[in-house]
Amino acid sequence: MLPRKSPFFVTRREFLYLSGAAALAAACGTGSSATTTVPTTLAGTGAGTTAAPVEGGPEMSFVEPAEQLSGELKILLWSHFVPAHDAWFDPFAQEWGEMVGVDVTVDHIAVADVPAAIASEIQSGQPEHDLMQYIAVLSQHEPSVVDMADVVQEAESRYGTMLDLTRRSSFNPNTEKYYAYAPSWVPDPGDYRRSLWEGVGFPDGPASYDDLLQGGSEIFASEGVQLGIGMSQEIDSNMALRGLLWSFGAGIQDENENVILNSDATIAAIEYMNELFAGAMTPEVFAWNAASNNQGLNSGELSYILNSISAYRTAQDEGLEVADDIYFTPALAGPETAVVASHVMYNWIVPDAPDVNVSAAKEFLLHYTENLAPVAWNSKLYDFPAFPDRVPDLTGWIDSDPFGSNPADKLKVLNTSLDWATNIGHPGPANPAIGQIFGESIIPVMFAEAAQGAKTPQQAMEDAEAQINAIFDDWRGQGLVGGG
């Protein structure tokens, strides 16, 4: 357990991350990061359309807290890409508060604004929220958050062993600290337009990166419809490009947390992306935000994206014809393997600061875990459980989608997602260095600079490696990263 810091102490890493997160939010063009409750909206539209909760599904379950709770619990989290989730979550949280004597407030903000908001609150030493959630790892904040080991221990005693995927995305083996609690996650399949890919000989979509290049280039040449793999400073680009690296046999670190970016495999991945961009994409991919690929697929402007099912659910909700044309593939095969990062890895953190209602935050997370079946249902099967036994009907729901897929088994590839999903630090843990590298979007910048011709693949790789080595050295010097 790390020593508790003064509430006003800010490490150099946190200062750098705060600056980078603010710049990323500005680049994504999503506006202010003020923590105000906002209406739930359709995914990525910003239209302010209030969503209705999903009908039916599992009932809420309640377990009496282990101790008497009181006070306020203020929760900060993203505006979910499946709006029905938030329409369910807010009253769910408030109802729990009424049952246990806690006044619960839920604040949703745009996903691109969450990292800067969290960093700002932690930096202040007087966070406004007791419980904060982001959809990627927050390991870079480990020195400033409460250890969640007791939550994990209690959850496992009730619900069985947590998935290794989520454990490796919330636990630092070097400090034996759970810097976050990760009770749920989201698969990252390929989403493709069957009518377009059928026309170039791939009715089941691309199965490999070679297929993606061949088919995507033919579709772009004949139909003018590009591929949707971003090289921008946002979460989807970060996820997609890590999958590309891994599938080519490259990566940021090895299993022992040594930096391994400088390799022939990385050069091959960059050169592949250069070719893919030249043959099947346009410069807009360098300026995307997290909703751009969703919007592009649903507007008919993209033939393939690497994403969750949120774009598809939006197409269904809006009655778009494209919904019936969207199908899904598992991870694409590269020269070495076929693996992708989880699309979303929920990290719930509790700031280590005075006046934070730690007990209420932890008890709420156990209540949330108790109700992972309603979570999955009300997210329309977007959110998957880190404790699979909590959602015993998930496989059946996926095999026959209760939310109107045509055909009903369209989502069946998701039942194999644990075979091809991994954590962002693969093959090592999602340690603080990995979290900072993700937050600063070093990997998307590396690919973008090479694809735009600003640097050779070798130069782009070496510059990224220099930044990554400095980050690893910084964290390793604090005893929070292994290797070396």
Protein backbone atom coordinates (compact mmCIF):
# COMPACT_ATOMS: atom_id res chain seq x y z
CA MET A 1 0.00 0.00 0.00
CA LEU A 2 1.45 3.35 -0.99
CA PRO A 3 1.75 6.04 1.70
CA ARG A 4 -1.05 8.57 1.76
CA LYS A 5 -0.02 11.84 0.19
CA SER A 6 -0.80 15.35 1.30
CA PRO A 7 -4.12 16.30 -0.34
CA PHE A 8 -2.48 19.14 -2.22
CA PHE A 9 0.54 17.21 -3.54
CA VAL A 10 0.67 16.74 -7.31
CA THR A 11 3.31 14.57 -8.96
CA ARG A 12 5.05 15.58 -12.15
CA ARG A 13 3.27 12.69 -13.90
CA GLU A 14 -0.13 13.98 -12.79
CA PHE A 15 0.71 17.51 -13.93
CA LEU A 16 1.81 16.26 -17.35
CA TYR A 17 -1.24 14.04 -17.64
CA LEU A 18 -3.56 16.89 -16.67
CA SER A 19 -2.05 19.08 -19.38
CA GLY A 20 -2.27 16.30 -21.96
CA ALA A 21 -5.83 15.38 -21.04
CA ALA A 22 -6.96 18.96 -21.36
CA ALA A 23 -5.34 19.21 -24.78
CA LEU A 24 -6.99 15.96 -25.87
CA ALA A 25 -10.42 17.17 -24.78
CA ALA A 26 -9.91 20.37 -26.73
CA ALA A 27 -8.75 18.45 -29.80
CA CYS A 28 -11.87 16.31 -29.69
CA GLY A 29 -14.00 19.41 -29.81
CA THR A 30 -16.51 18.32 -27.20
CA GLY A 31 -16.69 21.53 -25.26
CA SER A 32 -16.38 22.25 -21.55
CA SER A 33 -15.44 19.65 -19.00
CA ALA A 34 -17.65 21.15 -16.31
CA THR A 35 -19.26 18.42 -14.25
CA THR A 36 -22.92 19.10 -14.72
CA THR A 37 -25.72 16.62 -15.16
CA VAL A 38 -26.76 16.53 -18.80
CA PRO A 39 -29.63 14.86 -20.66
CA THR A 40 -28.87 11.43 -22.03
CA THR A 41 -28.39 11.71 -25.78
CA LEU A 42 -28.18 9.50 -28.81
CA ALA A 43 -24.68 8.15 -29.26
CA GLY A 44 -22.31 10.74 -30.62
CA THR A 45 -24.99 13.09 -31.90
CA GLY A 46 -24.97 15.71 -29.20
CA ALA A 47 -28.60 16.25 -30.04
CA GLY A 48 -29.86 16.28 -26.47
CA THR A 49 -32.56 13.70 -27.20
CA THR A 50 -33.72 12.18 -23.94
CA ALA A 51 -33.68 8.39 -24.02
CA ALA A 52 -36.19 6.07 -22.40
CA PRO A 53 -35.20 3.16 -20.17
CA VAL A 54 -35.28 -0.33 -21.68
CA GLU A 55 -38.43 -2.28 -20.90
CA GLY A 56 -38.37 -5.66 -19.21
CA GLY A 57 -35.18 -7.40 -18.20
CA PRO A 58 -33.80 -8.52 -14.83
CA GLU A 59 -35.04 -6.90 -11.66
CA MET A 60 -32.77 -4.97 -9.33
CA SER A 61 -31.27 -7.00 -6.48
CA PHE A 62 -30.23 -5.51 -3.13
CA VAL A 63 -27.75 -6.64 -0.47
CA GLU A 64 -27.67 -4.77 2.84
CA PRO A 65 -24.39 -2.81 3.23
CA ALA A 66 -21.89 -4.09 5.76
CA GLU A 67 -21.98 -0.80 7.67
CA GLN A 68 -24.31 2.12 8.28
CA LEU A 69 -23.93 4.67 5.51
CA SER A 70 -24.70 8.38 5.44
CA GLY A 71 -23.84 11.64 3.75
CA GLU A 72 -23.55 12.34 0.05
CA LEU A 73 -22.21 10.24 -2.82
CA LYS A 74 -21.34 12.24 -5.90
CA ILE A 75 -20.65 10.15 -9.01
CA LEU A 76 -18.91 11.34 -12.20
CA LEU A 77 -19.09 9.22 -15.35
CA TRP A 78 -19.37 9.42 -19.11
CA SER A 79 -22.54 9.86 -21.13
CA HIS A 80 -23.00 6.29 -22.30
CA PHE A 81 -23.00 5.61 -26.05
CA VAL A 82 -26.17 3.56 -25.53
CA PRO A 83 -28.41 6.27 -24.03
CA ALA A 84 -30.89 3.83 -22.48
CA HIS A 85 -28.17 2.87 -20.01
CA ASP A 86 -28.08 6.33 -18.45
CA ALA A 87 -31.86 6.53 -18.36
CA TRP A 88 -31.69 3.39 -16.20
CA PHE A 89 -28.50 4.12 -14.23
CA ASP A 90 -29.42 7.44 -12.67
CA PRO A 91 -32.63 6.31 -10.94
CA PHE A 92 -30.93 2.99 -10.10
CA ALA A 93 -28.18 4.85 -8.21
CA GLN A 94 -30.60 7.23 -6.54
CA GLU A 95 -32.92 4.41 -5.47
CA TRP A 96 -29.99 2.65 -3.84
CA GLY A 97 -29.15 5.88 -2.04
CA GLU A 98 -32.67 6.14 -0.68
CA MET A 99 -32.47 2.55 0.58
CA VAL A 100 -29.21 3.09 2.48
CA GLY A 101 -29.56 6.71 3.60
CA VAL A 102 -27.14 8.33 1.16
CA ASP A 103 -27.91 11.35 -1.01
CA VAL A 104 -26.70 10.31 -4.50
CA THR A 105 -25.90 12.74 -7.31
CA VAL A 106 -24.95 11.50 -10.78
CA ASP A 107 -23.10 13.77 -13.22
CA HIS A 108 -22.60 12.69 -16.85
CA ILE A 109 -20.18 14.43 -19.20
CA ALA A 110 -18.97 13.73 -22.74
CA VAL A 111 -16.44 10.92 -22.91
CA ALA A 112 -13.63 13.10 -24.29
CA ASP A 113 -14.01 15.45 -21.33
CA VAL A 114 -13.74 12.78 -18.65
CA PRO A 115 -9.92 12.40 -18.47
CA ALA A 116 -9.35 16.13 -18.01
CA ALA A 117 -12.17 16.40 -15.48
CA ILE A 118 -10.77 13.54 -13.39
CA ALA A 119 -7.21 14.86 -13.59
CA SER A 120 -8.37 18.34 -12.59
CA GLU A 121 -10.29 17.09 -9.56
CA ILE A 122 -7.41 14.94 -8.39
CA GLN A 123 -4.93 17.77 -8.94
CA SER A 124 -7.04 20.13 -6.85
CA GLY A 125 -6.76 17.97 -3.74
CA GLN A 126 -10.44 18.68 -3.08
CA PRO A 127 -12.34 16.55 -5.57
CA GLU A 128 -16.00 17.34 -6.18
CA HIS A 129 -16.87 13.68 -6.71
CA ASP A 130 -16.46 10.65 -4.46
CA LEU A 131 -16.59 8.11 -7.26
CA MET A 132 -15.34 8.60 -10.82
CA GLN A 133 -15.55 6.36 -13.86
CA TYR A 134 -13.76 6.31 -17.20
CA ILE A 135 -13.94 3.86 -20.07
CA ALA A 136 -10.18 3.21 -20.24
CA VAL A 137 -7.55 2.50 -17.61
CA LEU A 138 -6.71 5.18 -15.07
CA SER A 139 -3.51 3.61 -13.77
CA GLN A 140 -1.62 6.90 -14.10
CA HIS A 141 -3.58 8.14 -11.08
CA GLU A 142 -2.52 5.26 -8.83
CA PRO A 143 -0.67 7.43 -6.26
CA SER A 144 -3.79 9.56 -5.71
CA VAL A 145 -6.58 7.00 -5.39
CA VAL A 146 -7.87 4.59 -2.76
CA ASP A 147 -6.88 0.92 -2.98
CA MET A 148 -9.90 -1.09 -4.15
CA ALA A 149 -8.55 -4.48 -3.05
CA ASP A 150 -11.24 -4.91 -0.41
CA VAL A 151 -13.98 -4.32 -3.00
CA VAL A 152 -12.46 -6.92 -5.31
CA GLN A 153 -12.07 -9.38 -2.44
CA GLU A 154 -15.67 -8.96 -1.35
CA ALA A 155 -16.99 -9.17 -4.91
CA GLU A 156 -15.04 -12.37 -5.55
CA SER A 157 -16.29 -13.89 -2.31
CA ARG A 158 -19.85 -13.27 -3.49
CA TYR A 159 -19.66 -13.71 -7.24
CA GLY A 160 -16.62 -15.81 -8.12
CA THR A 161 -13.29 -14.94 -9.67
CA MET A 162 -12.98 -11.71 -11.62
CA LEU A 163 -11.95 -12.04 -15.26
CA ASP A 164 -8.20 -11.84 -15.77
CA LEU A 165 -8.87 -9.27 -18.51
CA THR A 166 -10.39 -6.80 -16.06
CA ARG A 167 -7.96 -7.63 -13.25
CA ARG A 168 -5.00 -6.82 -15.49
CA SER A 169 -6.73 -3.53 -16.30
CA SER A 170 -7.14 -2.42 -12.68
CA PHE A 171 -4.34 -4.04 -10.64
CA ASN A 172 -0.66 -3.12 -10.40
CA PRO A 173 1.37 -6.26 -9.55
CA ASN A 174 4.37 -4.12 -8.62
CA THR A 175 2.55 -2.42 -5.74
CA GLU A 176 -0.18 -5.05 -5.28
CA LYS A 177 -2.70 -2.24 -5.41
CA TYR A 178 -6.03 -2.14 -7.18
CA TYR A 179 -5.92 1.43 -8.45
CA ALA A 180 -9.42 0.95 -9.87
CA TYR A 181 -12.35 -1.40 -9.76
CA ALA A 182 -13.32 -2.89 -13.11
CA PRO A 183 -16.63 -4.76 -12.81
CA SER A 184 -17.51 -4.58 -16.50
CA TRP A 185 -16.00 -4.20 -19.95
CA VAL A 186 -16.98 -3.96 -23.63
CA PRO A 187 -15.84 -6.12 -26.59
CA ASP A 188 -14.37 -4.48 -29.69
CA PRO A 189 -15.50 -6.38 -32.82
CA GLY A 190 -15.19 -5.18 -36.36
CA ASP A 191 -18.40 -3.56 -37.64
CA TYR A 192 -18.79 -3.85 -41.41
CA ARG A 193 -21.34 -3.14 -44.14
CA ARG A 194 -22.18 -6.56 -45.59
CA SER A 195 -23.54 -5.21 -48.90
CA LEU A 196 -20.24 -3.44 -49.61
CA TRP A 197 -17.95 -6.29 -48.59
CA GLU A 198 -20.08 -8.88 -50.39
CA GLY A 199 -19.48 -6.91 -53.56
CA VAL A 200 -15.72 -7.42 -53.31
CA GLY A 201 -15.85 -11.10 -52.38
CA PHE A 202 -15.98 -10.92 -48.58
CA PRO A 203 -19.62 -11.53 -47.56
CA ASP A 204 -18.54 -12.38 -44.01
CA GLY A 205 -16.34 -9.30 -43.79
CA PRO A 206 -12.56 -9.20 -43.55
CA ALA A 207 -10.92 -11.95 -41.51
CA SER A 208 -7.36 -10.59 -41.65
CA TYR A 209 -5.48 -7.34 -42.09
CA ASP A 210 -4.66 -8.51 -45.63
CA ASP A 211 -8.41 -8.83 -46.30
CA LEU A 212 -8.99 -5.38 -44.81
CA LEU A 213 -6.42 -3.82 -47.13
CA GLN A 214 -7.60 -5.67 -50.24
CA GLY A 215 -11.33 -5.35 -49.72
CA GLY A 216 -11.25 -1.88 -48.20
CA SER A 217 -9.17 -0.52 -51.08
CA GLU A 218 -11.49 -2.08 -53.69
CA ILE A 219 -14.57 -0.63 -51.98
CA PHE A 220 -12.96 2.81 -51.77
CA ALA A 221 -11.96 2.70 -55.44
CA SER A 222 -15.32 1.48 -56.72
CA GLU A 223 -17.80 3.00 -54.26
CA GLY A 224 -15.94 5.94 -52.75
CA VAL A 225 -16.64 4.58 -49.26
CA GLN A 226 -13.59 4.61 -47.02
CA LEU A 227 -12.44 2.50 -44.08
CA GLY A 228 -12.82 3.83 -40.55
CA ILE A 229 -9.59 3.17 -38.62
CA GLY A 230 -8.67 6.42 -36.87
CA MET A 231 -5.22 7.89 -36.28
CA SER A 232 -6.40 10.62 -33.96
CA GLN A 233 -5.85 11.55 -30.32
CA GLU A 234 -8.97 9.78 -29.03
CA ILE A 235 -9.86 6.50 -27.40
CA ASP A 236 -10.94 4.45 -30.45
CA SER A 237 -7.74 5.21 -32.35
CA ASN A 238 -5.71 4.27 -29.29
CA MET A 239 -7.49 0.94 -29.03
CA ALA A 240 -7.46 0.06 -32.74
CA LEU A 241 -3.78 0.81 -33.31
CA ARG A 242 -2.69 -1.23 -30.32
CA GLY A 243 -4.54 -4.20 -31.79
CA LEU A 244 -2.69 -3.65 -35.05
CA LEU A 245 0.67 -3.60 -33.28
CA TRP A 246 -0.03 -6.76 -31.31
CA SER A 247 -1.31 -8.64 -34.35
CA PHE A 248 1.94 -7.82 -36.17
CA GLY A 249 3.97 -9.13 -33.23
CA ALA A 250 4.83 -5.68 -31.84
CA GLY A 251 3.83 -3.85 -28.68
CA ILE A 252 4.76 -1.20 -26.16
CA GLN A 253 6.04 -3.53 -23.44
CA ASP A 254 6.73 -7.21 -22.89
CA GLU A 255 5.23 -9.36 -20.14
CA ASN A 256 7.97 -8.13 -17.75
CA GLU A 257 7.23 -4.44 -18.44
CA ASN A 258 10.29 -3.74 -20.58
CA VAL A 259 9.79 -1.34 -23.50
CA ILE A 260 9.88 -3.23 -26.82
CA LEU A 261 8.44 -0.73 -29.30
CA ASN A 262 11.63 -0.48 -31.38
CA SER A 263 11.30 -3.55 -33.59
CA ASP A 264 10.92 -4.71 -37.17
CA ALA A 265 7.35 -5.70 -36.29
CA THR A 266 6.49 -2.10 -35.35
CA ILE A 267 7.96 -0.86 -38.64
CA ALA A 268 5.86 -3.44 -40.50
CA ALA A 269 2.71 -2.29 -38.69
CA ILE A 270 3.41 1.37 -39.50
CA GLU A 271 4.13 0.56 -43.14
CA TYR A 272 0.90 -1.43 -43.31
CA MET A 273 -1.06 1.51 -41.94
CA ASN A 274 0.58 3.84 -44.45
CA GLU A 275 -0.59 1.57 -47.26
CA LEU A 276 -4.07 1.25 -45.78
CA PHE A 277 -4.40 5.02 -45.48
CA ALA A 278 -3.15 5.62 -49.02
CA GLY A 279 -5.50 3.07 -50.53
CA ALA A 280 -8.66 3.23 -48.46
CA MET A 281 -8.94 6.33 -46.25
CA THR A 282 -8.98 10.13 -46.27
CA PRO A 283 -7.24 12.71 -44.03
CA GLU A 284 -10.32 13.14 -41.86
CA VAL A 285 -9.15 10.11 -39.81
CA PHE A 286 -6.45 12.34 -38.29
CA ALA A 287 -9.03 14.60 -36.63
CA TRP A 288 -11.70 12.19 -35.44
CA ASN A 289 -13.28 12.13 -32.02
CA ALA A 290 -14.67 9.04 -30.30
CA ALA A 291 -18.03 9.31 -32.09
CA SER A 292 -16.72 9.93 -35.63
CA ASN A 293 -16.47 6.30 -36.70
CA ASN A 294 -19.95 5.55 -35.31
CA GLN A 295 -21.44 8.47 -37.20
CA GLY A 296 -19.55 7.61 -40.38
CA LEU A 297 -20.74 4.02 -40.41
CA ASN A 298 -24.36 5.00 -39.86
CA SER A 299 -24.28 7.77 -42.47
CA GLY A 300 -23.00 5.38 -45.14
CA GLU A 301 -19.55 6.96 -45.33
CA LEU A 302 -17.55 4.04 -43.90
CA SER A 303 -17.36 0.38 -44.87
CA TYR A 304 -15.68 -0.97 -41.70
CA ILE A 305 -14.89 0.31 -38.23
CA LEU A 306 -13.32 -1.27 -35.16
CA ASN A 307 -15.83 -0.48 -32.45
CA SER A 308 -18.41 -1.80 -30.06
CA ILE A 309 -22.05 -2.36 -30.98
CA SER A 310 -23.01 1.23 -30.08
CA ALA A 311 -23.15 2.50 -33.68
CA TYR A 312 -25.40 -0.42 -34.57
CA ARG A 313 -27.69 0.19 -31.60
CA THR A 314 -27.98 3.85 -32.59
CA ALA A 315 -28.89 2.82 -36.14
CA GLN A 316 -31.59 0.56 -34.74
CA ASP A 317 -32.94 3.22 -32.39
CA GLU A 318 -33.10 5.79 -35.17
CA GLY A 319 -34.74 3.39 -37.61
CA LEU A 320 -31.90 3.65 -40.14
CA GLU A 321 -31.89 1.21 -43.05
CA VAL A 322 -28.18 0.70 -42.56
CA ALA A 323 -28.86 -1.24 -39.33
CA ASP A 324 -29.77 -4.41 -41.23
CA ASP A 325 -26.57 -4.08 -43.29
CA ILE A 326 -24.21 -3.88 -40.31
CA TYR A 327 -22.55 -7.17 -39.29
CA PHE A 328 -19.66 -8.06 -37.01
CA THR A 329 -16.29 -9.83 -37.15
CA PRO A 330 -13.84 -10.96 -34.47
CA ALA A 331 -10.30 -9.56 -34.23
CA LEU A 332 -8.47 -9.46 -37.55
CA ALA A 333 -5.58 -11.86 -38.02
CA GLY A 334 -2.16 -10.32 -38.52
CA PRO A 335 1.17 -11.95 -39.30
CA GLU A 336 1.52 -13.11 -35.68
CA THR A 337 -1.87 -13.26 -33.96
CA ALA A 338 -5.44 -11.96 -33.88
CA VAL A 339 -6.12 -9.84 -30.81
CA VAL A 340 -7.62 -6.45 -29.98
CA ALA A 341 -7.96 -4.33 -26.88
CA SER A 342 -11.29 -4.32 -25.13
CA HIS A 343 -13.27 -1.44 -26.59
CA VAL A 344 -14.14 -0.13 -23.15
CA MET A 345 -12.54 -1.03 -19.85
CA TYR A 346 -14.53 0.54 -17.05
CA ASN A 347 -12.27 1.92 -14.34
CA TRP A 348 -14.04 3.20 -11.23
CA ILE A 349 -11.75 5.15 -8.91
CA VAL A 350 -12.14 6.79 -5.50
CA PRO A 351 -9.87 9.80 -4.85
CA ASP A 352 -7.60 9.53 -1.83
CA ALA A 353 -8.51 12.90 -0.35
CA PRO A 354 -10.24 14.36 2.70
CA ASP A 355 -14.04 14.32 2.88
CA VAL A 356 -14.45 11.66 0.18
CA ASN A 357 -17.25 9.26 1.11
CA VAL A 358 -15.16 6.13 0.59
CA SER A 359 -17.52 3.74 2.35
CA ALA A 360 -20.53 4.77 0.30
CA ALA A 361 -18.53 4.64 -2.93
CA LYS A 362 -17.33 1.10 -2.28
CA GLU A 363 -20.74 -0.15 -1.18
CA PHE A 364 -22.33 1.33 -4.29
CA LEU A 365 -19.83 -0.53 -6.47
CA LEU A 366 -20.76 -3.79 -4.78
CA HIS A 367 -24.41 -2.97 -5.40
CA TYR A 368 -23.58 -2.25 -9.05
CA THR A 369 -21.79 -5.60 -9.29
CA GLU A 370 -24.76 -7.36 -7.72
CA ASN A 371 -26.79 -5.95 -10.60
CA LEU A 372 -24.55 -6.66 -13.58
CA ALA A 373 -27.47 -8.42 -15.29
CA PRO A 374 -29.56 -5.21 -15.36
CA VAL A 375 -26.40 -3.37 -16.44
CA ALA A 376 -26.02 -5.64 -19.47
CA TRP A 377 -29.71 -5.52 -20.29
CA ASN A 378 -30.10 -1.76 -19.98
CA SER A 379 -27.00 -1.13 -22.07
CA LYS A 380 -28.59 -3.36 -24.73
CA LEU A 381 -25.76 -5.89 -24.37
CA TYR A 382 -23.04 -3.24 -24.75
CA ASP A 383 -21.62 -3.79 -21.23
CA PHE A 384 -20.22 -7.23 -20.42
CA PRO A 385 -19.61 -8.52 -16.87
CA ALA A 386 -16.25 -9.05 -15.20
CA PHE A 387 -18.07 -11.66 -13.09
CA PRO A 388 -19.78 -13.81 -15.74
CA ASP A 389 -21.98 -15.71 -13.31
CA ARG A 390 -23.82 -12.48 -12.54
CA VAL A 391 -25.30 -12.52 -16.06
CA PRO A 392 -26.20 -16.18 -16.70
CA ASP A 393 -28.49 -15.31 -19.62
CA LEU A 394 -25.92 -13.28 -21.56
CA THR A 395 -24.97 -16.06 -23.99
CA GLY A 396 -28.62 -16.69 -24.79
CA TRP A 397 -29.34 -12.98 -25.26
CA ILE A 398 -26.45 -12.73 -27.70
CA ASP A 399 -27.52 -15.83 -29.61
CA SER A 400 -31.02 -14.39 -29.98
CA ASP A 401 -30.85 -10.63 -29.53
CA PRO A 402 -33.84 -9.39 -27.50
CA PHE A 403 -33.39 -5.94 -29.03
CA GLY A 404 -34.47 -6.71 -32.55
CA SER A 405 -31.41 -7.73 -34.54
CA ASN A 406 -32.10 -9.07 -38.03
CA PRO A 407 -31.11 -11.88 -38.09
CA ALA A 408 -31.55 -12.55 -34.38
CA ASP A 409 -28.08 -14.12 -34.02
CA LYS A 410 -26.24 -11.17 -35.61
CA LEU A 411 -24.24 -10.56 -32.42
CA LYS A 412 -23.11 -14.17 -31.97
CA VAL A 413 -19.43 -13.33 -32.56
CA LEU A 414 -19.47 -11.55 -29.19
CA ASN A 415 -19.80 -14.90 -27.45
CA THR A 416 -16.16 -15.61 -28.38
CA SER A 417 -14.87 -12.15 -27.47
CA LEU A 418 -12.81 -13.31 -24.48
CA ASP A 419 -10.75 -15.36 -26.95
CA TRP A 420 -9.55 -12.23 -28.78
CA ALA A 421 -9.82 -9.37 -26.28
CA THR A 422 -6.96 -8.21 -24.06
CA ASN A 423 -5.85 -5.32 -21.86
CA ILE A 424 -4.05 -2.26 -23.19
CA GLY A 425 -0.73 -3.20 -21.57
CA HIS A 426 -0.68 -6.60 -23.31
CA PRO A 427 1.22 -8.83 -22.73
CA GLY A 428 2.00 -7.05 -19.45
CA PRO A 429 -0.31 -5.26 -17.02
CA ALA A 430 -1.97 -1.89 -17.54
CA ASN A 431 0.55 -0.16 -15.28
CA PRO A 432 0.83 3.62 -14.70
CA ALA A 433 3.24 4.07 -17.61
CA ILE A 434 0.80 2.35 -19.96
CA GLY A 435 -2.00 4.56 -18.62
CA GLN A 436 -0.02 7.74 -19.24
CA ILE A 437 1.02 6.65 -22.74
CA PHE A 438 -2.61 5.96 -23.54
CA GLY A 439 -3.71 9.30 -22.12
CA GLU A 440 -1.12 11.18 -24.17
CA SER A 441 -2.05 9.30 -27.40
CA ILE A 442 1.59 8.60 -28.26
CA ILE A 443 0.71 5.57 -30.41
CA PRO A 444 -1.89 7.31 -32.65
CA VAL A 445 0.53 10.22 -33.14
CA MET A 446 3.28 7.79 -34.19
CA PHE A 447 1.06 6.23 -36.86
CA ALA A 448 -0.35 9.57 -38.00
CA GLU A 449 3.03 11.24 -38.46
CA ALA A 450 4.19 8.38 -40.66
CA ALA A 451 0.96 8.17 -42.67
CA GLN A 452 1.01 11.92 -43.32
CA GLY A 453 4.61 11.74 -44.51
CA ALA A 454 5.88 14.01 -41.75
CA LYS A 455 8.29 11.29 -40.62
CA THR A 456 9.61 8.02 -41.93
CA PRO A 457 8.31 4.92 -40.16
CA GLN A 458 11.72 4.59 -38.48
CA GLN A 459 11.71 8.21 -37.28
CA ALA A 460 8.13 8.00 -36.02
CA MET A 461 8.90 4.82 -34.10
CA GLU A 462 12.11 6.15 -32.58
CA ASP A 463 10.48 9.40 -31.48
CA ALA A 464 7.60 7.51 -29.89
CA GLU A 465 10.07 5.14 -28.24
CA ALA A 466 11.98 8.06 -26.71
CA GLN A 467 8.80 9.44 -25.15
CA ILE A 468 7.76 6.01 -23.92
CA ASN A 469 11.16 5.25 -22.41
CA ALA A 470 11.08 8.52 -20.49
CA ILE A 471 7.62 7.72 -19.11
CA PHE A 472 8.65 4.21 -18.10
CA ASP A 473 11.83 5.49 -16.44
CA ASP A 474 9.83 8.06 -14.50
CA TRP A 475 7.32 5.57 -13.13
CA ARG A 476 9.93 2.85 -12.63
CA GLY A 477 11.92 5.24 -10.48
CA GLN A 478 8.90 5.47 -8.18
CA GLY A 479 8.61 1.69 -7.91
CA LEU A 480 5.30 1.54 -9.76
CA VAL A 481 6.51 -0.19 -12.95
CA GLY A 482 8.57 -3.35 -13.27
CA GLY A 483 11.23 -4.30 -15.80
CA GLY A 484 14.40 -2.37 -16.43
